[in-house]
Structures are given as structure tokens and as C-alpha cells.
PDB file of N, CA and C in Angstrom:
ATOM      1  N   MET A   1      -2.911  28.733 -22.113  1.00  0.00           N
ATOM      2  CA  MET A   1      -3.787  27.728 -20.931  1.00  0.00           C
ATOM      3  C   MET A   1      -4.374  29.672 -20.307  1.00  0.00           C
ATOM      4  N   ASP A   2      -5.076  29.499 -19.652  1.00  0.00           N
ATOM      5  CA  ASP A   2      -5.615  30.377 -18.975  1.00  0.00           C
ATOM      6  C   ASP A   2      -5.564  30.491 -17.580  1.00  0.00           C
ATOM      7  N   MET A   3      -5.360  31.407 -16.598  1.00  0.00           N
ATOM      8  CA  MET A   3      -4.519  31.221 -15.729  1.00  0.00           C
ATOM      9  C   MET A   3      -5.686  31.089 -14.468  1.00  0.00           C
ATOM     10  N   LYS A   4      -7.194  31.092 -14.898  1.00  0.00           N
ATOM     11  CA  LYS A   4      -8.299  30.375 -14.285  1.00  0.00           C
ATOM     12  C   LYS A   4      -8.355  28.906 -14.474  1.00  0.00           C
ATOM     13  N   LYS A   5      -8.487  28.611 -16.275  1.00  0.00           N
ATOM     14  CA  LYS A   5      -9.017  27.123 -16.355  1.00  0.00           C
ATOM     15  C   LYS A   5      -7.518  26.841 -15.177  1.00  0.00           C
ATOM     16  N   LEU A   6      -6.084  27.494 -15.328  1.00  0.00           N
ATOM     17  CA  LEU A   6      -5.692  26.296 -14.584  1.00  0.00           C
ATOM     18  C   LEU A   6      -5.843  26.416 -13.010  1.00  0.00           C
ATOM     19  N   MET A   7      -5.936  27.710 -12.661  1.00  0.00           N
ATOM     20  CA  MET A   7      -6.372  27.217 -11.361  1.00  0.00           C
ATOM     21  C   MET A   7      -7.407  26.736 -10.462  1.00  0.00           C
ATOM     22  N   LYS A   8      -8.468  26.236 -11.278  1.00  0.00           N
ATOM     23  CA  LYS A   8      -9.437  25.226 -11.346  1.00  0.00           C
ATOM     24  C   LYS A   8      -8.885  23.887 -12.060  1.00  0.00           C
ATOM     25  N   GLN A   9      -8.318  23.441 -12.493  1.00  0.00           N
ATOM     26  CA  GLN A   9      -7.301  22.146 -12.103  1.00  0.00           C
ATOM     27  C   GLN A   9      -6.716  21.641 -11.812  1.00  0.00           C
ATOM     28  N   MET A  10      -6.106  23.089 -11.020  1.00  0.00           N
ATOM     29  CA  MET A  10      -5.682  22.473  -9.701  1.00  0.00           C
ATOM     30  C   MET A  10      -6.249  22.040  -8.509  1.00  0.00           C
ATOM     31  N   GLN A  11      -7.556  23.077  -8.613  1.00  0.00           N
ATOM     32  CA  GLN A  11      -8.013  22.614  -7.044  1.00  0.00           C
ATOM     33  C   GLN A  11      -9.041  21.752  -7.164  1.00  0.00           C
ATOM     34  N   GLN A  12      -8.810  21.224  -8.729  1.00  0.00           N
ATOM     35  CA  GLN A  12      -9.792  19.735  -8.540  1.00  0.00           C
ATOM     36  C   GLN A  12      -8.727  18.879  -8.821  1.00  0.00           C
ATOM     37  N   ALA A  13      -7.224  18.785  -8.249  1.00  0.00           N
ATOM     38  CA  ALA A  13      -6.428  17.922  -8.471  1.00  0.00           C
ATOM     39  C   ALA A  13      -5.940  18.113  -6.664  1.00  0.00           C
ATOM     40  N   GLN A  14      -6.431  19.016  -6.118  1.00  0.00           N
ATOM     41  CA  GLN A  14      -6.149  18.865  -4.779  1.00  0.00           C
ATOM     42  C   GLN A  14      -7.228  18.460  -4.181  1.00  0.00           C
ATOM     43  N   VAL A  15      -8.603  18.133  -4.793  1.00  0.00           N
ATOM     44  CA  VAL A  15      -9.726  17.611  -4.412  1.00  0.00           C
ATOM     45  C   VAL A  15      -9.564  15.983  -4.478  1.00  0.00           C
ATOM     46  N   ALA A  16      -9.046  15.670  -5.721  1.00  0.00           N
ATOM     47  CA  ALA A  16      -8.651  14.671  -6.031  1.00  0.00           C
ATOM     48  C   ALA A  16      -7.557  13.671  -4.992  1.00  0.00           C
ATOM     49  N   ALA A  17      -6.499  14.438  -4.966  1.00  0.00           N
ATOM     50  CA  ALA A  17      -5.785  14.156  -4.158  1.00  0.00           C
ATOM     51  C   ALA A  17      -6.514  13.958  -2.319  1.00  0.00           C
ATOM     52  N   ALA A  18      -6.604  15.134  -2.307  1.00  0.00           N
ATOM     53  CA  ALA A  18      -7.414  14.458  -0.051  1.00  0.00           C
ATOM     54  C   ALA A  18      -8.649  13.550  -0.349  1.00  0.00           C
ATOM     55  N   LYS A  19      -9.188  13.275  -1.312  1.00  0.00           N
ATOM     56  CA  LYS A  19     -10.106  12.109  -1.667  1.00  0.00           C
ATOM     57  C   LYS A  19      -9.199  10.735  -1.404  1.00  0.00           C
ATOM     58  N   ILE A  20      -7.906  10.064  -2.314  1.00  0.00           N
ATOM     59  CA  ILE A  20      -6.572   9.571  -2.341  1.00  0.00           C
ATOM     60  C   ILE A  20      -6.196   9.335  -1.351  1.00  0.00           C
ATOM     61  N   GLN A  21      -6.199  10.489  -0.129  1.00  0.00           N
ATOM     62  CA  GLN A  21      -5.372  10.402   0.684  1.00  0.00           C
ATOM     63  C   GLN A  21      -6.411   9.586   2.085  1.00  0.00           C
ATOM     64  N   GLU A  22      -7.739   9.605   1.932  1.00  0.00           N
ATOM     65  CA  GLU A  22      -8.920   9.906   3.134  1.00  0.00           C
ATOM     66  C   GLU A  22      -9.325   7.808   2.297  1.00  0.00           C
ATOM     67  N   ASP A  23      -9.405   7.380   1.502  1.00  0.00           N
ATOM     68  CA  ASP A  23      -9.126   6.004   0.517  1.00  0.00           C
ATOM     69  C   ASP A  23      -8.610   5.737   1.244  1.00  0.00           C
ATOM     70  N   LEU A  24      -6.846   6.078   0.827  1.00  0.00           N
ATOM     71  CA  LEU A  24      -5.835   5.115   1.475  1.00  0.00           C
ATOM     72  C   LEU A  24      -5.828   4.751   2.768  1.00  0.00           C
ATOM     73  N   ALA A  25      -6.349   5.860   3.632  1.00  0.00           N
ATOM     74  CA  ALA A  25      -6.109   5.102   4.734  1.00  0.00           C
ATOM     75  C   ALA A  25      -7.260   4.269   5.448  1.00  0.00           C
ATOM     76  N   ALA A  26      -8.012   4.264   4.620  1.00  0.00           N
ATOM     77  CA  ALA A  26      -9.532   3.159   4.778  1.00  0.00           C
ATOM     78  C   ALA A  26      -9.219   1.962   4.872  1.00  0.00           C
ATOM     79  N   LYS A  27      -8.200   1.662   4.168  1.00  0.00           N
ATOM     80  CA  LYS A  27      -8.232   0.788   2.913  1.00  0.00           C
ATOM     81  C   LYS A  27      -6.849   0.041   3.826  1.00  0.00           C
ATOM     82  N   SER A  28      -6.670  -1.361   4.145  1.00  0.00           N
ATOM     83  CA  SER A  28      -5.885  -2.569   4.848  1.00  0.00           C
ATOM     84  C   SER A  28      -4.977  -3.212   4.443  1.00  0.00           C
ATOM     85  N   VAL A  29      -3.782  -3.596   4.195  1.00  0.00           N
ATOM     86  CA  VAL A  29      -3.372  -4.887   3.847  1.00  0.00           C
ATOM     87  C   VAL A  29      -2.719  -5.865   4.797  1.00  0.00           C
ATOM     88  N   GLU A  30      -2.320  -6.948   4.575  1.00  0.00           N
ATOM     89  CA  GLU A  30      -1.823  -7.874   4.873  1.00  0.00           C
ATOM     90  C   GLU A  30      -0.810  -8.372   4.776  1.00  0.00           C
ATOM     91  N   GLY A  31       0.509  -8.164   5.624  1.00  0.00           N
ATOM     92  CA  GLY A  31       1.894  -9.249   5.053  1.00  0.00           C
ATOM     93  C   GLY A  31       1.295 -10.491   6.153  1.00  0.00           C
ATOM     94  N   SER A  32       2.483 -11.539   5.645  1.00  0.00           N
ATOM     95  CA  SER A  32       2.865 -12.825   6.355  1.00  0.00           C
ATOM     96  C   SER A  32       3.959 -13.127   5.863  1.00  0.00           C
ATOM     97  N   ALA A  33       4.641 -14.090   7.239  1.00  0.00           N
ATOM     98  CA  ALA A  33       5.898 -14.918   7.040  1.00  0.00           C
ATOM     99  C   ALA A  33       5.168 -16.007   7.468  1.00  0.00           C
ATOM    100  N   SER A  34       4.977 -17.095   6.099  1.00  0.00           N
ATOM    101  CA  SER A  34       4.538 -18.431   6.792  1.00  0.00           C
ATOM    102  C   SER A  34       3.413 -18.047   7.281  1.00  0.00           C
ATOM    103  N   GLY A  35       2.656 -17.772   7.657  1.00  0.00           N
ATOM    104  CA  GLY A  35       1.292 -17.684   8.243  1.00  0.00           C
ATOM    105  C   GLY A  35       1.642 -17.799   9.968  1.00  0.00           C
ATOM    106  N   LEU A  36       3.128 -17.487  10.089  1.00  0.00           N
ATOM    107  CA  LEU A  36       3.226 -17.328  11.404  1.00  0.00           C
ATOM    108  C   LEU A  36       3.150 -15.684  12.258  1.00  0.00           C
ATOM    109  N   VAL A  37       3.665 -14.827  11.375  1.00  0.00           N
ATOM    110  CA  VAL A  37       3.610 -13.652  11.850  1.00  0.00           C
ATOM    111  C   VAL A  37       2.724 -12.880  10.969  1.00  0.00           C
ATOM    112  N   THR A  38       2.236 -12.303  10.902  1.00  0.00           N
ATOM    113  CA  THR A  38       0.717 -11.407   9.846  1.00  0.00           C
ATOM    114  C   THR A  38       1.028 -10.094  10.406  1.00  0.00           C
ATOM    115  N   VAL A  39       0.852  -8.970   9.571  1.00  0.00           N
ATOM    116  CA  VAL A  39       1.252  -7.463  10.016  1.00  0.00           C
ATOM    117  C   VAL A  39      -0.110  -7.047   9.164  1.00  0.00           C
ATOM    118  N   THR A  40      -0.788  -6.099  10.095  1.00  0.00           N
ATOM    119  CA  THR A  40      -1.723  -4.717   8.986  1.00  0.00           C
ATOM    120  C   THR A  40      -0.921  -3.569   8.712  1.00  0.00           C
ATOM    121  N   MET A  41      -1.553  -3.189   7.466  1.00  0.00           N
ATOM    122  CA  MET A  41      -1.207  -2.174   7.562  1.00  0.00           C
ATOM    123  C   MET A  41      -2.674  -0.996   6.867  1.00  0.00           C
ATOM    124  N   ASN A  42      -2.140   0.064   7.160  1.00  0.00           N
ATOM    125  CA  ASN A  42      -3.191   0.823   5.955  1.00  0.00           C
ATOM    126  C   ASN A  42      -2.447   1.403   4.959  1.00  0.00           C
ATOM    127  N   GLY A  43      -3.659   2.096   3.973  1.00  0.00           N
ATOM    128  CA  GLY A  43      -2.606   2.071   2.696  1.00  0.00           C
ATOM    129  C   GLY A  43      -1.748   3.131   2.274  1.00  0.00           C
ATOM    130  N   HIS A  44      -1.976   3.102   3.536  1.00  0.00           N
ATOM    131  CA  HIS A  44      -0.232   5.095   3.440  1.00  0.00           C
ATOM    132  C   HIS A  44       0.982   3.941   4.119  1.00  0.00           C
ATOM    133  N   GLY A  45       1.001   2.605   4.441  1.00  0.00           N
ATOM    134  CA  GLY A  45       1.480   2.166   5.130  1.00  0.00           C
ATOM    135  C   GLY A  45       2.201   1.977   7.007  1.00  0.00           C
ATOM    136  N   LYS A  46       0.993   2.691   6.880  1.00  0.00           N
ATOM    137  CA  LYS A  46       1.158   2.168   9.241  1.00  0.00           C
ATOM    138  C   LYS A  46       0.811   1.285   9.218  1.00  0.00           C
ATOM    139  N   LEU A  47       1.337   0.539  10.166  1.00  0.00           N
ATOM    140  CA  LEU A  47       1.261  -0.263  10.781  1.00  0.00           C
ATOM    141  C   LEU A  47       0.516  -0.345  11.630  1.00  0.00           C
ATOM    142  N   THR A  48      -1.179  -1.507  11.440  1.00  0.00           N
ATOM    143  CA  THR A  48      -1.630  -1.205  12.426  1.00  0.00           C
ATOM    144  C   THR A  48      -2.589  -2.294  13.222  1.00  0.00           C
ATOM    145  N   ALA A  49      -1.884  -3.155  13.295  1.00  0.00           N
ATOM    146  CA  ALA A  49      -1.866  -5.205  13.517  1.00  0.00           C
ATOM    147  C   ALA A  49      -0.551  -5.706  13.403  1.00  0.00           C
ATOM    148  N   LEU A  50      -0.402  -6.190  14.490  1.00  0.00           N
ATOM    149  CA  LEU A  50       0.868  -7.457  14.962  1.00  0.00           C
ATOM    150  C   LEU A  50       0.135  -8.520  15.291  1.00  0.00           C
ATOM    151  N   LYS A  51       0.396 -10.353  14.701  1.00  0.00           N
ATOM    152  CA  LYS A  51      -0.414 -11.146  15.398  1.00  0.00           C
ATOM    153  C   LYS A  51       1.104 -11.746  15.126  1.00  0.00           C
ATOM    154  N   ILE A  52       1.462 -12.705  15.985  1.00  0.00           N
ATOM    155  CA  ILE A  52       2.124 -13.900  16.282  1.00  0.00           C
ATOM    156  C   ILE A  52       1.698 -15.229  16.697  1.00  0.00           C
ATOM    157  N   ASP A  53       1.498 -16.142  16.012  1.00  0.00           N
ATOM    158  CA  ASP A  53       1.160 -17.442  16.204  1.00  0.00           C
ATOM    159  C   ASP A  53       2.144 -17.805  17.191  1.00  0.00           C
ATOM    160  N   PRO A  54       1.754 -18.600  18.267  1.00  0.00           N
ATOM    161  CA  PRO A  54       2.637 -18.231  19.968  1.00  0.00           C
ATOM    162  C   PRO A  54       3.456 -19.689  19.156  1.00  0.00           C
ATOM    163  N   LYS A  55       3.014 -20.783  17.835  1.00  0.00           N
ATOM    164  CA  LYS A  55       4.290 -21.633  18.005  1.00  0.00           C
ATOM    165  C   LYS A  55       5.938 -21.212  17.057  1.00  0.00           C
ATOM    166  N   ALA A  56       5.591 -19.493  16.839  1.00  0.00           N
ATOM    167  CA  ALA A  56       6.785 -19.159  16.615  1.00  0.00           C
ATOM    168  C   ALA A  56       7.154 -18.312  17.722  1.00  0.00           C
ATOM    169  N   VAL A  57       7.168 -18.499  18.460  1.00  0.00           N
ATOM    170  CA  VAL A  57       7.946 -17.561  20.096  1.00  0.00           C
ATOM    171  C   VAL A  57       8.333 -19.089  20.296  1.00  0.00           C
ATOM    172  N   ASP A  58      10.208 -18.567  20.348  1.00  0.00           N
ATOM    173  CA  ASP A  58      10.682 -19.618  20.732  1.00  0.00           C
ATOM    174  C   ASP A  58      11.575 -18.917  21.884  1.00  0.00           C
ATOM    175  N   PRO A  59      11.931 -19.162  22.968  1.00  0.00           N
ATOM    176  CA  PRO A  59      13.213 -18.029  23.573  1.00  0.00           C
ATOM    177  C   PRO A  59      14.229 -18.768  23.467  1.00  0.00           C
ATOM    178  N   GLU A  60      14.440 -19.275  22.462  1.00  0.00           N
ATOM    179  CA  GLU A  60      15.593 -20.065  22.426  1.00  0.00           C
ATOM    180  C   GLU A  60      16.290 -19.718  20.843  1.00  0.00           C
ATOM    181  N   ASP A  61      14.884 -18.986  20.117  1.00  0.00           N
ATOM    182  CA  ASP A  61      15.627 -18.404  18.582  1.00  0.00           C
ATOM    183  C   ASP A  61      14.888 -17.877  18.466  1.00  0.00           C
ATOM    184  N   VAL A  62      14.895 -16.402  19.259  1.00  0.00           N
ATOM    185  CA  VAL A  62      14.673 -14.687  19.185  1.00  0.00           C
ATOM    186  C   VAL A  62      14.926 -14.419  17.788  1.00  0.00           C
ATOM    187  N   GLU A  63      15.802 -15.042  17.240  1.00  0.00           N
ATOM    188  CA  GLU A  63      16.150 -14.504  16.230  1.00  0.00           C
ATOM    189  C   GLU A  63      15.286 -14.824  15.039  1.00  0.00           C
ATOM    190  N   ALA A  64      14.833 -15.781  14.884  1.00  0.00           N
ATOM    191  CA  ALA A  64      14.052 -16.747  13.862  1.00  0.00           C
ATOM    192  C   ALA A  64      12.823 -15.686  13.735  1.00  0.00           C
ATOM    193  N   LEU A  65      12.091 -15.314  15.477  1.00  0.00           N
ATOM    194  CA  LEU A  65      11.428 -14.299  15.135  1.00  0.00           C
ATOM    195  C   LEU A  65      10.756 -12.805  14.712  1.00  0.00           C
ATOM    196  N   GLU A  66      12.461 -12.717  15.354  1.00  0.00           N
ATOM    197  CA  GLU A  66      12.941 -11.176  14.010  1.00  0.00           C
ATOM    198  C   GLU A  66      12.539 -11.442  13.096  1.00  0.00           C
ATOM    199  N   ASP A  67      13.195 -12.275  12.359  1.00  0.00           N
ATOM    200  CA  ASP A  67      13.472 -12.408  10.735  1.00  0.00           C
ATOM    201  C   ASP A  67      11.634 -12.745   9.910  1.00  0.00           C
ATOM    202  N   LEU A  68      10.817 -13.565  10.796  1.00  0.00           N
ATOM    203  CA  LEU A  68       9.196 -13.324  10.506  1.00  0.00           C
ATOM    204  C   LEU A  68       8.809 -12.078  10.992  1.00  0.00           C
ATOM    205  N   ILE A  69       9.491 -11.165  11.513  1.00  0.00           N
ATOM    206  CA  ILE A  69       8.345 -10.400  11.598  1.00  0.00           C
ATOM    207  C   ILE A  69       8.719  -8.426  10.460  1.00  0.00           C
ATOM    208  N   LEU A  70      10.349  -9.831  10.279  1.00  0.00           N
ATOM    209  CA  LEU A  70      10.492  -8.832   9.371  1.00  0.00           C
ATOM    210  C   LEU A  70      10.048  -9.189   7.564  1.00  0.00           C
ATOM    211  N   VAL A  71       9.955  -9.645   7.508  1.00  0.00           N
ATOM    212  CA  VAL A  71       9.813 -10.693   6.307  1.00  0.00           C
ATOM    213  C   VAL A  71       8.455 -10.344   6.276  1.00  0.00           C
ATOM    214  N   ALA A  72       7.368 -10.582   7.626  1.00  0.00           N
ATOM    215  CA  ALA A  72       5.954  -9.792   7.416  1.00  0.00           C
ATOM    216  C   ALA A  72       5.927  -8.395   7.302  1.00  0.00           C
ATOM    217  N   VAL A  73       6.447  -7.200   7.843  1.00  0.00           N
ATOM    218  CA  VAL A  73       6.812  -5.775   7.421  1.00  0.00           C
ATOM    219  C   VAL A  73       6.726  -6.159   5.957  1.00  0.00           C
ATOM    220  N   GLN A  74       7.898  -6.139   5.566  1.00  0.00           N
ATOM    221  CA  GLN A  74       7.985  -5.880   3.976  1.00  0.00           C
ATOM    222  C   GLN A  74       7.437  -6.268   2.916  1.00  0.00           C
ATOM    223  N   ASP A  75       6.601  -7.662   3.763  1.00  0.00           N
ATOM    224  CA  ASP A  75       5.448  -7.745   2.450  1.00  0.00           C
ATOM    225  C   ASP A  75       3.948  -7.228   2.604  1.00  0.00           C
ATOM    226  N   ALA A  76       3.765  -6.370   3.360  1.00  0.00           N
ATOM    227  CA  ALA A  76       2.735  -5.629   3.559  1.00  0.00           C
ATOM    228  C   ALA A  76       2.728  -4.301   3.413  1.00  0.00           C
ATOM    229  N   SER A  77       4.032  -3.892   3.727  1.00  0.00           N
ATOM    230  CA  SER A  77       4.537  -2.727   2.845  1.00  0.00           C
ATOM    231  C   SER A  77       4.748  -2.820   1.198  1.00  0.00           C
ATOM    232  N   ALA A  78       4.883  -3.718   0.816  1.00  0.00           N
ATOM    233  CA  ALA A  78       5.014  -4.022  -0.415  1.00  0.00           C
ATOM    234  C   ALA A  78       3.474  -3.582  -1.194  1.00  0.00           C
ATOM    235  N   LYS A  79       2.435  -4.236  -0.469  1.00  0.00           N
ATOM    236  CA  LYS A  79       1.408  -4.311  -1.254  1.00  0.00           C
ATOM    237  C   LYS A  79       0.388  -2.806  -0.628  1.00  0.00           C
ATOM    238  N   ALA A  80       1.367  -1.985   0.403  1.00  0.00           N
ATOM    239  CA  ALA A  80       0.683  -0.261   0.806  1.00  0.00           C
ATOM    240  C   ALA A  80       1.670  -0.193  -0.617  1.00  0.00           C
ATOM    241  N   ASP A  81       2.225  -0.541  -0.494  1.00  0.00           N
ATOM    242  CA  ASP A  81       2.977   0.747  -2.044  1.00  0.00           C
ATOM    243  C   ASP A  81       2.151   1.024  -2.976  1.00  0.00           C
ATOM    244  N   ALA A  82       2.284  -0.950  -3.298  1.00  0.00           N
ATOM    245  CA  ALA A  82       1.391  -1.204  -5.151  1.00  0.00           C
ATOM    246  C   ALA A  82       0.002  -0.572  -5.203  1.00  0.00           C
ATOM    247  N   LEU A  83      -1.278  -0.216  -3.818  1.00  0.00           N
ATOM    248  CA  LEU A  83      -2.266  -0.101  -3.340  1.00  0.00           C
ATOM    249  C   LEU A  83      -1.914   1.799  -3.810  1.00  0.00           C
ATOM    250  N   GLN A  84      -0.809   2.409  -3.360  1.00  0.00           N
ATOM    251  CA  GLN A  84      -0.711   3.591  -3.445  1.00  0.00           C
ATOM    252  C   GLN A  84      -1.052   4.370  -4.686  1.00  0.00           C
ATOM    253  N   GLN A  85      -0.142   2.839  -5.360  1.00  0.00           N
ATOM    254  CA  GLN A  85       0.298   3.689  -7.082  1.00  0.00           C
ATOM    255  C   GLN A  85      -0.551   3.194  -7.620  1.00  0.00           C
ATOM    256  N   ASP A  86      -1.240   2.128  -7.048  1.00  0.00           N
ATOM    257  CA  ASP A  86      -2.384   1.836  -7.708  1.00  0.00           C
ATOM    258  C   ASP A  86      -3.576   3.308  -7.970  1.00  0.00           C
ATOM    259  N   ALA A  87      -3.976   3.598  -6.672  1.00  0.00           N
ATOM    260  CA  ALA A  87      -4.734   4.475  -6.388  1.00  0.00           C
ATOM    261  C   ALA A  87      -4.159   6.582  -6.909  1.00  0.00           C
ATOM    262  N   THR A  88      -2.950   6.293  -7.636  1.00  0.00           N
ATOM    263  CA  THR A  88      -2.553   7.296  -7.826  1.00  0.00           C
ATOM    264  C   THR A  88      -2.250   7.263  -9.237  1.00  0.00           C
ATOM    265  N   ARG A  89      -2.736   6.423  -9.658  1.00  0.00           N
ATOM    266  CA  ARG A  89      -1.918   6.253 -11.290  1.00  0.00           C
ATOM    267  C   ARG A  89      -2.784   6.881 -12.083  1.00  0.00           C
ATOM    268  N   GLY A  90      -2.173   7.991 -12.787  1.00  0.00           N
ATOM    269  CA  GLY A  90      -3.555   8.572 -13.912  1.00  0.00           C
ATOM    270  C   GLY A  90      -3.485  10.275 -12.973  1.00  0.00           C
ATOM    271  N   LEU A  91      -2.888  10.771 -11.699  1.00  0.00           N
ATOM    272  CA  LEU A  91      -3.757  11.719 -11.694  1.00  0.00           C
ATOM    273  C   LEU A  91      -2.269  12.567 -12.243  1.00  0.00           C
ATOM    274  N   GLY A  92      -1.091  12.206 -13.025  1.00  0.00           N
ATOM    275  CA  GLY A  92      -0.216  13.063 -13.617  1.00  0.00           C
ATOM    276  C   GLY A  92       0.718  13.855 -12.354  1.00  0.00           C
ATOM    277  N   ILE A  93       0.577  13.534 -10.732  1.00  0.00           N
ATOM    278  CA  ILE A  93       1.119  14.501  -9.996  1.00  0.00           C
ATOM    279  C   ILE A  93       2.881  14.281  -9.731  1.00  0.00           C
ATOM    280  N   PRO A  94       4.159  14.924 -10.011  1.00  0.00           N
ATOM    281  CA  PRO A  94       4.958  13.819  -9.244  1.00  0.00           C
ATOM    282  C   PRO A  94       4.394  14.201  -7.552  1.00  0.00           C
ATOM    283  N   GLY A  95       5.416  12.629  -7.343  1.00  0.00           N
ATOM    284  CA  GLY A  95       4.951  12.861  -5.398  1.00  0.00           C
ATOM    285  C   GLY A  95       3.473  11.636  -4.974  1.00  0.00           C
ATOM    286  N   PHE A  96       2.475  11.552  -6.329  1.00  0.00           N
ATOM    287  CA  PHE A  96       1.574  11.194  -6.148  1.00  0.00           C
ATOM    288  C   PHE A  96       1.199   9.791  -6.476  1.00  0.00           C
TER     289      PHE A  96
END
């Protein structure tokens, strides 16, 4: 394989990777815990919103609310990971 062709392929891969990163930033996923806590993340897994139903707030049981938040964040994070994997499938670049 000649160097010119290899360089062109690298440039195309960089452009494709930049487009994927831009697309992921524009997408969002939601994770929920029993509908009482909902978190929204972008395609990079950055938390962008948190909604807590007033029914979930019990001053006598803060631990339950903490658990709901944790479950919702984990749910959204798993969905963001899946979005990233779908977006980068076929690139053949490690770490993407």
C-alpha cells in the first residue's frame, strides 16, 4: 500500500470520526428508575438533565432517592454507550 493512499484513508477516517463525535453530541438518551427519576444524557454520556418526581422525595428515606438516581444514571449511561457503539461500528479504529 502506498503512503499517499494510506494518508488519504487516515484523513477520511479523521473526518468520519469528527462527524460521529458531532452527531453523538446532538443525540440524547433517557434513563429512568420507575418513572420517579429520569436523567437525560447526550451521546457522549454527559448528563444534561435530571428530573425527580415529587413522589420520590421523602425526607425520611433519602437513601431510596439516591438509589433511584443511581439506577436512572446507569440506565442512561448504558444507552449512551450503545449509541456510541452503533455510531462507530464499522470504523475499525480502536477506541472508537
